[in-house]
Amino acid sequence: MAFMKLLQPEELEEYLKNLRVRRSIKTIQNHHTYLPDYERFYESGAKVLVKNMKRYHKKHRGFSDIAQHFTTFPDGTIYTGRSMNKNPAGIKGANSGSICMEHVGNFDAGNDKMTTEQKSTIILLNGLLCKKFALPVNTKTIIYHHWYDRDTGKRTNGKGYTKTCPGTTFFGGNKVADCKANLIPMVKIIT
């Protein structure tokens, strides 16, 4: 777990400032975990969940490490994960040059209602990553898993065989228009 570190939101900017990344970054992926969800978080806590995710990704998914670079939690904390110098294992066809974030929770309709703390952290993390890597704040750089076909790995903007990830209620929904209307304007404030 050399790369795994628990961060408070107020530590994030300094952490990213000192982070050296040797690969070109083009996109930021947003995901929800679905499971573990809020109930598991409140039962186990962030450290246990991130350790279990790493074990699951390695043992059952065959990944070399935890899939994501960052994991956000309902209390607003963040765990670092996979080395930022390695591509994530997040979206088939869209991992090269990407940063992957998993947001603990099931944000499909009728499930977890995102906390204010996690919402603020997600906005902050997206914004600071765009700032660090000089990425424009738009739906070409900030992407959702739902926008990619699970079989082909092509971006279809939610058409075809897709996951609901990051959830049908994630910042108003998982569609490109939802991201443009709800997440993008808040991230622009950070940058």
N, C-alpha and C. Protein backbone atom coordinates (compact mmCIF):
# COMPACT_ATOMS: atom_id res chain seq x y z
N MET A 1 0.81 -1.20 0.00
CA MET A 1 0.00 0.00 0.00
C MET A 1 0.85 1.26 0.00
N ALA A 2 1.95 1.21 -0.67
CA ALA A 2 2.88 2.33 -0.66
C ALA A 2 2.24 3.64 -1.11
N PHE A 3 1.30 3.57 -2.02
CA PHE A 3 0.73 4.80 -2.56
C PHE A 3 -0.55 5.22 -1.84
N MET A 4 -1.09 4.39 -0.96
CA MET A 4 -2.36 4.70 -0.33
C MET A 4 -2.17 5.61 0.88
N LYS A 5 -2.85 6.74 0.83
CA LYS A 5 -2.74 7.73 1.89
C LYS A 5 -4.09 8.38 2.08
N LEU A 6 -4.50 8.55 3.34
CA LEU A 6 -5.76 9.22 3.64
C LEU A 6 -5.52 10.73 3.67
N LEU A 7 -6.36 11.46 2.94
CA LEU A 7 -6.26 12.92 2.87
C LEU A 7 -7.57 13.56 3.30
N GLN A 8 -7.45 14.66 3.99
CA GLN A 8 -8.60 15.53 4.26
C GLN A 8 -8.71 16.48 3.07
N PRO A 9 -9.90 16.99 2.76
CA PRO A 9 -10.03 17.89 1.61
C PRO A 9 -9.06 19.07 1.63
N GLU A 10 -8.81 19.62 2.82
CA GLU A 10 -7.90 20.78 2.92
C GLU A 10 -6.44 20.42 2.64
N GLU A 11 -6.10 19.15 2.60
CA GLU A 11 -4.74 18.70 2.30
C GLU A 11 -4.54 18.41 0.82
N LEU A 12 -5.61 18.35 0.08
CA LEU A 12 -5.57 17.90 -1.31
C LEU A 12 -4.74 18.81 -2.23
N GLU A 13 -4.91 20.10 -2.11
CA GLU A 13 -4.19 21.01 -3.00
C GLU A 13 -2.67 20.89 -2.81
N GLU A 14 -2.22 20.83 -1.58
CA GLU A 14 -0.78 20.69 -1.30
C GLU A 14 -0.28 19.33 -1.79
N TYR A 15 -1.06 18.28 -1.57
CA TYR A 15 -0.68 16.95 -2.03
C TYR A 15 -0.49 16.95 -3.55
N LEU A 16 -1.44 17.51 -4.28
CA LEU A 16 -1.35 17.53 -5.74
C LEU A 16 -0.21 18.42 -6.22
N LYS A 17 0.04 19.51 -5.52
CA LYS A 17 1.12 20.43 -5.89
C LYS A 17 2.47 19.70 -5.87
N ASN A 18 2.65 18.82 -4.90
CA ASN A 18 3.91 18.12 -4.74
C ASN A 18 3.98 16.80 -5.52
N LEU A 19 2.91 16.42 -6.16
CA LEU A 19 2.84 15.16 -6.89
C LEU A 19 3.53 15.29 -8.25
N ARG A 20 4.44 14.37 -8.54
CA ARG A 20 5.14 14.36 -9.82
C ARG A 20 4.58 13.24 -10.67
N VAL A 21 4.05 13.59 -11.83
CA VAL A 21 3.44 12.62 -12.72
C VAL A 21 4.21 12.64 -14.03
N ARG A 22 4.65 11.46 -14.47
CA ARG A 22 5.49 11.35 -15.66
C ARG A 22 4.73 10.92 -16.91
N ARG A 23 3.42 10.93 -16.86
CA ARG A 23 2.63 10.58 -18.04
C ARG A 23 1.69 11.72 -18.38
N SER A 24 1.27 11.77 -19.60
CA SER A 24 0.36 12.81 -20.06
C SER A 24 -1.06 12.49 -19.59
N ILE A 25 -1.73 13.47 -19.00
CA ILE A 25 -3.09 13.30 -18.52
C ILE A 25 -4.05 14.04 -19.45
N LYS A 26 -5.08 13.33 -19.93
CA LYS A 26 -6.05 13.90 -20.86
C LYS A 26 -7.48 13.92 -20.31
N THR A 27 -7.79 12.96 -19.41
CA THR A 27 -9.17 12.86 -18.92
C THR A 27 -9.20 12.48 -17.44
N ILE A 28 -10.34 12.80 -16.83
CA ILE A 28 -10.61 12.46 -15.43
C ILE A 28 -11.91 11.66 -15.42
N GLN A 29 -11.80 10.40 -14.98
CA GLN A 29 -12.96 9.51 -14.91
C GLN A 29 -13.66 9.62 -13.57
N ASN A 30 -14.99 9.67 -13.59
CA ASN A 30 -15.80 9.65 -12.38
C ASN A 30 -16.62 8.37 -12.36
N HIS A 31 -16.54 7.64 -11.25
CA HIS A 31 -17.23 6.37 -11.05
C HIS A 31 -17.92 6.38 -9.68
N HIS A 32 -18.92 5.53 -9.50
CA HIS A 32 -19.40 5.23 -8.15
C HIS A 32 -19.11 3.76 -7.89
N THR A 33 -18.94 3.43 -6.62
CA THR A 33 -18.60 2.04 -6.30
C THR A 33 -19.80 1.12 -6.40
N TYR A 34 -21.00 1.64 -6.26
CA TYR A 34 -22.23 0.84 -6.18
C TYR A 34 -22.17 0.00 -4.90
N LEU A 35 -21.25 -0.93 -4.83
CA LEU A 35 -20.88 -1.63 -3.59
C LEU A 35 -19.37 -1.55 -3.48
N PRO A 36 -18.80 -1.10 -2.41
CA PRO A 36 -19.44 -0.71 -1.17
C PRO A 36 -20.26 0.58 -1.31
N ASP A 37 -21.32 0.63 -0.54
CA ASP A 37 -22.19 1.79 -0.52
C ASP A 37 -22.06 2.50 0.83
N TYR A 38 -22.96 3.45 1.09
CA TYR A 38 -22.88 4.22 2.34
C TYR A 38 -23.01 3.33 3.57
N GLU A 39 -23.90 2.35 3.51
CA GLU A 39 -24.08 1.46 4.66
C GLU A 39 -22.76 0.76 5.01
N ARG A 40 -22.05 0.25 4.01
CA ARG A 40 -20.76 -0.41 4.25
C ARG A 40 -19.73 0.57 4.79
N PHE A 41 -19.77 1.81 4.29
CA PHE A 41 -18.83 2.82 4.79
C PHE A 41 -19.06 3.06 6.27
N TYR A 42 -20.32 3.27 6.67
CA TYR A 42 -20.61 3.56 8.07
C TYR A 42 -20.34 2.36 8.98
N GLU A 43 -20.42 1.15 8.42
CA GLU A 43 -20.11 -0.05 9.20
C GLU A 43 -18.60 -0.26 9.35
N SER A 44 -17.83 0.00 8.28
CA SER A 44 -16.41 -0.40 8.25
C SER A 44 -15.41 0.74 8.27
N GLY A 45 -15.75 1.87 7.68
CA GLY A 45 -14.82 2.98 7.58
C GLY A 45 -13.99 2.93 6.30
N ALA A 46 -13.35 4.05 6.00
CA ALA A 46 -12.62 4.23 4.75
C ALA A 46 -11.45 3.26 4.61
N LYS A 47 -10.65 3.12 5.65
CA LYS A 47 -9.43 2.30 5.56
C LYS A 47 -9.77 0.85 5.22
N VAL A 48 -10.75 0.29 5.89
CA VAL A 48 -11.15 -1.10 5.62
C VAL A 48 -11.68 -1.23 4.20
N LEU A 49 -12.53 -0.30 3.77
CA LEU A 49 -13.11 -0.38 2.43
C LEU A 49 -12.06 -0.30 1.34
N VAL A 50 -11.11 0.60 1.48
CA VAL A 50 -10.10 0.76 0.43
C VAL A 50 -9.17 -0.47 0.40
N LYS A 51 -8.86 -1.03 1.55
CA LYS A 51 -8.06 -2.26 1.58
C LYS A 51 -8.81 -3.42 0.92
N ASN A 52 -10.12 -3.51 1.20
CA ASN A 52 -10.93 -4.56 0.59
C ASN A 52 -11.06 -4.37 -0.92
N MET A 53 -11.21 -3.12 -1.37
CA MET A 53 -11.28 -2.85 -2.81
C MET A 53 -9.98 -3.28 -3.49
N LYS A 54 -8.85 -2.93 -2.88
CA LYS A 54 -7.56 -3.29 -3.46
C LYS A 54 -7.43 -4.81 -3.55
N ARG A 55 -7.79 -5.50 -2.49
CA ARG A 55 -7.70 -6.97 -2.48
C ARG A 55 -8.61 -7.55 -3.57
N TYR A 56 -9.83 -7.05 -3.65
CA TYR A 56 -10.77 -7.53 -4.65
C TYR A 56 -10.25 -7.29 -6.07
N HIS A 57 -9.75 -6.11 -6.32
CA HIS A 57 -9.26 -5.78 -7.66
C HIS A 57 -8.09 -6.68 -8.06
N LYS A 58 -7.23 -6.97 -7.12
CA LYS A 58 -6.07 -7.82 -7.43
C LYS A 58 -6.46 -9.30 -7.55
N LYS A 59 -7.21 -9.79 -6.57
CA LYS A 59 -7.52 -11.22 -6.52
C LYS A 59 -8.59 -11.64 -7.53
N HIS A 60 -9.67 -10.87 -7.61
CA HIS A 60 -10.80 -11.29 -8.43
C HIS A 60 -10.85 -10.64 -9.82
N ARG A 61 -10.27 -9.48 -9.96
CA ARG A 61 -10.28 -8.81 -11.26
C ARG A 61 -8.96 -8.99 -12.02
N GLY A 62 -7.93 -9.43 -11.31
CA GLY A 62 -6.64 -9.68 -11.95
C GLY A 62 -5.82 -8.43 -12.22
N PHE A 63 -6.16 -7.31 -11.56
CA PHE A 63 -5.42 -6.07 -11.75
C PHE A 63 -4.12 -6.14 -10.95
N SER A 64 -3.15 -5.35 -11.35
CA SER A 64 -1.86 -5.31 -10.64
C SER A 64 -1.96 -4.52 -9.34
N ASP A 65 -2.99 -3.71 -9.20
CA ASP A 65 -3.15 -2.84 -8.03
C ASP A 65 -4.64 -2.46 -7.96
N ILE A 66 -4.99 -1.64 -6.99
CA ILE A 66 -6.34 -1.08 -6.96
C ILE A 66 -6.55 -0.33 -8.28
N ALA A 67 -7.77 -0.34 -8.78
CA ALA A 67 -8.05 0.22 -10.11
C ALA A 67 -7.89 1.73 -10.17
N GLN A 68 -8.28 2.43 -9.10
CA GLN A 68 -8.41 3.88 -9.13
C GLN A 68 -7.23 4.61 -8.47
N HIS A 69 -7.09 5.87 -8.88
CA HIS A 69 -6.07 6.74 -8.28
C HIS A 69 -6.57 7.40 -7.01
N PHE A 70 -7.87 7.68 -6.94
CA PHE A 70 -8.47 8.34 -5.78
C PHE A 70 -9.81 7.69 -5.46
N THR A 71 -10.12 7.63 -4.16
CA THR A 71 -11.42 7.18 -3.70
C THR A 71 -11.96 8.25 -2.75
N THR A 72 -13.18 8.72 -3.01
CA THR A 72 -13.81 9.70 -2.11
C THR A 72 -14.85 8.99 -1.25
N PHE A 73 -15.07 9.53 -0.05
CA PHE A 73 -15.95 8.90 0.93
C PHE A 73 -17.04 9.87 1.40
N PRO A 74 -18.13 9.33 1.96
CA PRO A 74 -19.24 10.17 2.41
C PRO A 74 -18.85 11.25 3.41
N ASP A 75 -17.77 11.05 4.18
CA ASP A 75 -17.35 12.06 5.15
C ASP A 75 -16.45 13.13 4.53
N GLY A 76 -16.22 13.05 3.21
CA GLY A 76 -15.41 14.04 2.51
C GLY A 76 -13.94 13.69 2.42
N THR A 77 -13.51 12.61 3.05
CA THR A 77 -12.10 12.22 2.98
C THR A 77 -11.80 11.56 1.65
N ILE A 78 -10.51 11.47 1.36
CA ILE A 78 -10.03 10.91 0.10
C ILE A 78 -8.90 9.93 0.42
N TYR A 79 -8.91 8.79 -0.23
CA TYR A 79 -7.76 7.89 -0.17
C TYR A 79 -7.10 7.91 -1.53
N THR A 80 -5.76 8.02 -1.53
CA THR A 80 -5.03 7.85 -2.77
C THR A 80 -4.94 6.36 -3.04
N GLY A 81 -4.64 5.97 -4.25
CA GLY A 81 -4.62 4.55 -4.60
C GLY A 81 -3.49 4.21 -5.54
N ARG A 82 -3.83 3.79 -6.73
CA ARG A 82 -2.86 3.39 -7.75
C ARG A 82 -1.89 4.55 -8.02
N SER A 83 -0.67 4.22 -8.34
CA SER A 83 0.31 5.24 -8.69
C SER A 83 -0.22 6.10 -9.83
N MET A 84 -0.06 7.40 -9.70
CA MET A 84 -0.50 8.31 -10.75
C MET A 84 0.34 8.16 -12.02
N ASN A 85 1.44 7.46 -11.95
CA ASN A 85 2.27 7.23 -13.12
C ASN A 85 1.83 6.00 -13.91
N LYS A 86 0.75 5.37 -13.46
CA LYS A 86 0.18 4.22 -14.17
C LYS A 86 -1.24 4.53 -14.59
N ASN A 87 -1.62 4.03 -15.75
CA ASN A 87 -3.01 4.17 -16.19
C ASN A 87 -3.93 3.41 -15.25
N PRO A 88 -5.15 3.87 -15.09
CA PRO A 88 -6.10 3.17 -14.23
C PRO A 88 -6.70 1.94 -14.93
N ALA A 89 -7.49 1.22 -14.19
CA ALA A 89 -8.30 0.13 -14.75
C ALA A 89 -9.75 0.53 -14.52
N GLY A 90 -10.20 1.56 -15.23
CA GLY A 90 -11.50 2.15 -14.96
C GLY A 90 -12.53 1.99 -16.06
N ILE A 91 -12.19 2.41 -17.28
CA ILE A 91 -13.14 2.37 -18.38
C ILE A 91 -12.45 1.72 -19.58
N LYS A 92 -12.98 0.59 -20.01
CA LYS A 92 -12.44 -0.08 -21.19
C LYS A 92 -12.39 0.93 -22.35
N GLY A 93 -11.24 1.05 -22.96
CA GLY A 93 -11.07 1.94 -24.10
C GLY A 93 -10.72 3.37 -23.75
N ALA A 94 -10.72 3.72 -22.46
CA ALA A 94 -10.49 5.12 -22.09
C ALA A 94 -9.52 5.27 -20.91
N ASN A 95 -8.67 4.30 -20.69
CA ASN A 95 -7.76 4.36 -19.54
C ASN A 95 -6.44 5.08 -19.82
N SER A 96 -5.99 5.03 -21.05
CA SER A 96 -4.71 5.67 -21.38
C SER A 96 -4.81 7.18 -21.17
N GLY A 97 -3.90 7.72 -20.37
CA GLY A 97 -3.89 9.16 -20.10
C GLY A 97 -5.00 9.63 -19.18
N SER A 98 -5.58 8.72 -18.43
CA SER A 98 -6.71 9.09 -17.58
C SER A 98 -6.36 8.99 -16.10
N ILE A 99 -7.11 9.72 -15.30
CA ILE A 99 -7.09 9.61 -13.84
C ILE A 99 -8.45 9.06 -13.46
N CYS A 100 -8.46 8.07 -12.58
CA CYS A 100 -9.71 7.41 -12.19
C CYS A 100 -10.05 7.73 -10.75
N MET A 101 -11.29 8.16 -10.54
CA MET A 101 -11.83 8.40 -9.20
C MET A 101 -13.01 7.48 -8.98
N GLU A 102 -13.02 6.80 -7.84
CA GLU A 102 -14.18 6.04 -7.38
C GLU A 102 -14.79 6.83 -6.24
N HIS A 103 -16.09 7.04 -6.32
CA HIS A 103 -16.82 7.73 -5.26
C HIS A 103 -17.65 6.68 -4.54
N VAL A 104 -17.31 6.42 -3.27
CA VAL A 104 -18.02 5.39 -2.51
C VAL A 104 -19.48 5.77 -2.37
N GLY A 105 -20.35 4.88 -2.82
CA GLY A 105 -21.78 5.09 -2.75
C GLY A 105 -22.47 4.47 -3.94
N ASN A 106 -23.76 4.25 -3.78
CA ASN A 106 -24.61 3.79 -4.87
C ASN A 106 -25.51 4.96 -5.23
N PHE A 107 -25.15 5.67 -6.29
CA PHE A 107 -25.86 6.88 -6.68
C PHE A 107 -26.91 6.65 -7.77
N ASP A 108 -27.38 5.40 -7.88
CA ASP A 108 -28.54 5.12 -8.72
C ASP A 108 -29.79 5.53 -7.94
N ALA A 109 -30.84 5.91 -8.65
CA ALA A 109 -32.09 6.38 -8.02
C ALA A 109 -32.58 5.39 -6.97
N GLY A 110 -33.02 5.94 -5.82
CA GLY A 110 -33.58 5.13 -4.74
C GLY A 110 -32.55 4.58 -3.78
N ASN A 111 -31.28 4.93 -3.96
CA ASN A 111 -30.23 4.42 -3.10
C ASN A 111 -29.59 5.55 -2.31
N ASP A 112 -28.27 5.61 -2.23
CA ASP A 112 -27.59 6.62 -1.40
C ASP A 112 -27.84 8.03 -1.91
N LYS A 113 -28.09 8.94 -0.98
CA LYS A 113 -28.17 10.37 -1.29
C LYS A 113 -26.82 10.96 -0.91
N MET A 114 -26.13 11.50 -1.88
CA MET A 114 -24.78 12.00 -1.65
C MET A 114 -24.74 13.05 -0.54
N THR A 115 -23.78 12.91 0.36
CA THR A 115 -23.60 13.88 1.43
C THR A 115 -23.02 15.17 0.88
N THR A 116 -23.24 16.25 1.58
CA THR A 116 -22.67 17.54 1.22
C THR A 116 -21.15 17.47 1.23
N GLU A 117 -20.59 16.76 2.20
CA GLU A 117 -19.12 16.65 2.32
C GLU A 117 -18.53 15.93 1.11
N GLN A 118 -19.13 14.83 0.69
CA GLN A 118 -18.59 14.10 -0.46
C GLN A 118 -18.78 14.92 -1.74
N LYS A 119 -19.91 15.56 -1.87
CA LYS A 119 -20.16 16.40 -3.04
C LYS A 119 -19.09 17.48 -3.17
N SER A 120 -18.78 18.15 -2.07
CA SER A 120 -17.75 19.19 -2.08
C SER A 120 -16.39 18.63 -2.46
N THR A 121 -16.07 17.45 -1.94
CA THR A 121 -14.77 16.82 -2.24
C THR A 121 -14.68 16.44 -3.71
N ILE A 122 -15.76 15.91 -4.27
CA ILE A 122 -15.76 15.53 -5.69
C ILE A 122 -15.54 16.76 -6.58
N ILE A 123 -16.21 17.84 -6.28
CA ILE A 123 -16.03 19.08 -7.04
C ILE A 123 -14.59 19.57 -6.90
N LEU A 124 -14.09 19.60 -5.69
CA LEU A 124 -12.72 20.05 -5.43
C LEU A 124 -11.70 19.18 -6.15
N LEU A 125 -11.83 17.88 -6.05
CA LEU A 125 -10.86 16.97 -6.67
C LEU A 125 -10.87 17.11 -8.19
N ASN A 126 -12.04 17.15 -8.80
CA ASN A 126 -12.11 17.36 -10.26
C ASN A 126 -11.45 18.68 -10.63
N GLY A 127 -11.77 19.74 -9.88
CA GLY A 127 -11.23 21.06 -10.19
C GLY A 127 -9.72 21.15 -10.03
N LEU A 128 -9.22 20.63 -8.93
CA LEU A 128 -7.77 20.70 -8.70
C LEU A 128 -7.00 19.84 -9.69
N LEU A 129 -7.56 18.72 -10.11
CA LEU A 129 -6.90 17.89 -11.12
C LEU A 129 -6.89 18.60 -12.47
N CYS A 130 -7.99 19.25 -12.83
CA CYS A 130 -8.01 20.02 -14.08
C CYS A 130 -6.97 21.13 -14.03
N LYS A 131 -6.89 21.79 -12.90
CA LYS A 131 -5.93 22.88 -12.71
C LYS A 131 -4.49 22.38 -12.83
N LYS A 132 -4.17 21.29 -12.11
CA LYS A 132 -2.81 20.75 -12.11
C LYS A 132 -2.36 20.34 -13.50
N PHE A 133 -3.25 19.70 -14.25
CA PHE A 133 -2.87 19.17 -15.55
C PHE A 133 -3.30 20.07 -16.71
N ALA A 134 -3.71 21.30 -16.40
CA ALA A 134 -4.09 22.30 -17.41
C ALA A 134 -5.14 21.74 -18.37
N LEU A 135 -6.15 21.09 -17.80
CA LEU A 135 -7.22 20.52 -18.61
C LEU A 135 -8.40 21.48 -18.67
N PRO A 136 -9.00 21.65 -19.84
CA PRO A 136 -10.21 22.46 -19.89
C PRO A 136 -11.32 21.76 -19.11
N VAL A 137 -12.18 22.51 -18.50
CA VAL A 137 -13.28 21.94 -17.72
C VAL A 137 -14.47 21.76 -18.65
N ASN A 138 -14.59 20.54 -19.18
CA ASN A 138 -15.69 20.22 -20.08
C ASN A 138 -15.93 18.71 -20.08
N THR A 139 -16.88 18.26 -20.86
CA THR A 139 -17.23 16.84 -20.88
C THR A 139 -16.34 16.01 -21.83
N LYS A 140 -15.32 16.62 -22.35
CA LYS A 140 -14.30 15.85 -23.08
C LYS A 140 -13.18 15.45 -22.13
N THR A 141 -12.99 16.23 -21.07
CA THR A 141 -11.93 15.91 -20.11
C THR A 141 -12.48 15.29 -18.82
N ILE A 142 -13.62 15.74 -18.36
CA ILE A 142 -14.28 15.14 -17.19
C ILE A 142 -15.33 14.18 -17.75
N ILE A 143 -15.10 12.88 -17.52
CA ILE A 143 -15.94 11.87 -18.16
C ILE A 143 -16.59 10.93 -17.13
N TYR A 144 -17.70 10.34 -17.55
CA TYR A 144 -18.42 9.36 -16.73
C TYR A 144 -18.33 7.99 -17.40
N HIS A 145 -18.26 6.96 -16.59
CA HIS A 145 -18.19 5.59 -17.09
C HIS A 145 -19.39 5.27 -17.99
N HIS A 146 -20.56 5.77 -17.65
CA HIS A 146 -21.79 5.51 -18.39
C HIS A 146 -21.69 5.89 -19.87
N TRP A 147 -20.79 6.75 -20.22
CA TRP A 147 -20.69 7.24 -21.59
C TRP A 147 -19.94 6.30 -22.52
N TYR A 148 -19.47 5.14 -22.00
CA TYR A 148 -18.65 4.21 -22.78
C TYR A 148 -19.31 2.84 -22.86
N ASP A 149 -19.36 2.28 -24.06
CA ASP A 149 -19.92 0.95 -24.28
C ASP A 149 -19.02 -0.09 -23.62
N ARG A 150 -19.63 -0.99 -22.88
CA ARG A 150 -18.88 -2.01 -22.13
C ARG A 150 -18.21 -3.03 -23.03
N ASP A 151 -18.75 -3.29 -24.21
CA ASP A 151 -18.16 -4.27 -25.12
C ASP A 151 -17.08 -3.67 -26.00
N THR A 152 -17.39 -2.54 -26.61
CA THR A 152 -16.46 -1.97 -27.59
C THR A 152 -15.44 -1.01 -26.98
N GLY A 153 -15.76 -0.42 -25.82
CA GLY A 153 -14.88 0.57 -25.23
C GLY A 153 -14.99 1.93 -25.91
N LYS A 154 -15.89 2.08 -26.83
CA LYS A 154 -16.07 3.35 -27.56
C LYS A 154 -17.00 4.28 -26.77
N ARG A 155 -16.74 5.57 -26.88
CA ARG A 155 -17.63 6.54 -26.26
C ARG A 155 -18.92 6.62 -27.07
N THR A 156 -20.04 6.37 -26.40
CA THR A 156 -21.35 6.37 -27.05
C THR A 156 -22.30 7.36 -26.37
N ASN A 157 -21.79 8.08 -25.37
CA ASN A 157 -22.60 9.03 -24.59
C ASN A 157 -23.83 8.38 -23.96
N GLY A 158 -23.67 7.12 -23.53
CA GLY A 158 -24.73 6.43 -22.81
C GLY A 158 -25.59 5.51 -23.65
N LYS A 159 -25.33 5.41 -24.93
CA LYS A 159 -26.09 4.51 -25.81
C LYS A 159 -25.41 3.14 -25.83
N GLY A 160 -26.18 2.10 -26.09
CA GLY A 160 -25.61 0.75 -26.20
C GLY A 160 -25.53 0.06 -24.85
N TYR A 161 -24.56 -0.80 -24.71
CA TYR A 161 -24.38 -1.64 -23.52
C TYR A 161 -23.47 -0.90 -22.54
N THR A 162 -24.08 -0.18 -21.59
CA THR A 162 -23.32 0.65 -20.66
C THR A 162 -23.70 0.36 -19.22
N LYS A 163 -22.86 0.82 -18.31
CA LYS A 163 -23.17 0.80 -16.89
C LYS A 163 -23.91 2.10 -16.56
N THR A 164 -24.54 2.17 -15.39
CA THR A 164 -25.17 3.43 -14.96
C THR A 164 -24.14 4.33 -14.29
N CYS A 165 -22.98 3.83 -14.02
CA CYS A 165 -21.90 4.49 -13.28
C CYS A 165 -21.55 5.86 -13.87
N PRO A 166 -21.48 6.91 -13.09
CA PRO A 166 -21.41 7.03 -11.64
C PRO A 166 -22.76 7.12 -10.93
N GLY A 167 -23.83 6.71 -11.59
CA GLY A 167 -25.13 6.68 -10.95
C GLY A 167 -26.14 7.60 -11.61
N THR A 168 -27.38 7.17 -11.62
CA THR A 168 -28.44 7.94 -12.29
C THR A 168 -28.82 9.22 -11.56
N THR A 169 -28.32 9.41 -10.32
CA THR A 169 -28.57 10.66 -9.60
C THR A 169 -27.28 11.43 -9.32
N PHE A 170 -26.15 11.00 -9.90
CA PHE A 170 -24.86 11.64 -9.67
C PHE A 170 -24.89 13.06 -10.24
N PHE A 171 -24.85 14.06 -9.38
CA PHE A 171 -24.92 15.46 -9.80
C PHE A 171 -26.03 15.68 -10.83
N GLY A 172 -27.22 15.17 -10.51
CA GLY A 172 -28.38 15.37 -11.37
C GLY A 172 -28.59 14.31 -12.42
N GLY A 173 -27.67 13.37 -12.56
CA GLY A 173 -27.83 12.29 -13.54
C GLY A 173 -26.52 11.90 -14.17
N ASN A 174 -26.56 10.84 -14.97
CA ASN A 174 -25.32 10.32 -15.57
C ASN A 174 -25.19 10.64 -17.05
N LYS A 175 -26.04 11.47 -17.57
CA LYS A 175 -25.99 11.85 -18.99
C LYS A 175 -24.98 13.00 -19.20
N VAL A 176 -24.53 13.15 -20.42
CA VAL A 176 -23.60 14.24 -20.75
C VAL A 176 -24.24 15.58 -20.41
N ALA A 177 -25.51 15.75 -20.75
CA ALA A 177 -26.21 17.01 -20.45
C ALA A 177 -26.28 17.28 -18.96
N ASP A 178 -26.44 16.23 -18.14
CA ASP A 178 -26.47 16.40 -16.68
C ASP A 178 -25.12 16.90 -16.17
N CYS A 179 -24.06 16.32 -16.69
CA CYS A 179 -22.71 16.74 -16.30
C CYS A 179 -22.48 18.20 -16.69
N LYS A 180 -22.85 18.55 -17.92
CA LYS A 180 -22.69 19.93 -18.40
C LYS A 180 -23.46 20.93 -17.55
N ALA A 181 -24.66 20.55 -17.15
CA ALA A 181 -25.53 21.47 -16.40
C ALA A 181 -25.20 21.54 -14.92
N ASN A 182 -24.69 20.46 -14.34
CA ASN A 182 -24.58 20.40 -12.88
C ASN A 182 -23.16 20.31 -12.33
N LEU A 183 -22.34 19.41 -12.85
CA LEU A 183 -20.99 19.26 -12.30
C LEU A 183 -20.02 20.28 -12.90
N ILE A 184 -20.02 20.43 -14.20
CA ILE A 184 -19.05 21.31 -14.87
C ILE A 184 -19.07 22.74 -14.32
N PRO A 185 -20.22 23.39 -14.15
CA PRO A 185 -20.20 24.77 -13.62
C PRO A 185 -19.57 24.87 -12.23
N MET A 186 -19.77 23.85 -11.38
CA MET A 186 -19.19 23.89 -10.04
C MET A 186 -17.68 23.66 -10.08
N VAL A 187 -17.23 22.79 -10.98
CA VAL A 187 -15.80 22.55 -11.12
C VAL A 187 -15.10 23.79 -11.65
N LYS A 188 -15.76 24.51 -12.56
CA LYS A 188 -15.17 25.74 -13.12
C LYS A 188 -14.87 26.78 -12.04
N ILE A 189 -15.66 26.80 -10.98
CA ILE A 189 -15.42 27.74 -9.88
C ILE A 189 -14.08 27.45 -9.22
N ILE A 190 -13.71 26.18 -9.11
CA ILE A 190 -12.43 25.78 -8.48
C ILE A 190 -11.24 26.19 -9.33
N THR A 191 -11.39 26.08 -10.64
CA THR A 191 -10.26 26.35 -11.53
C THR A 191 -10.14 27.82 -11.82
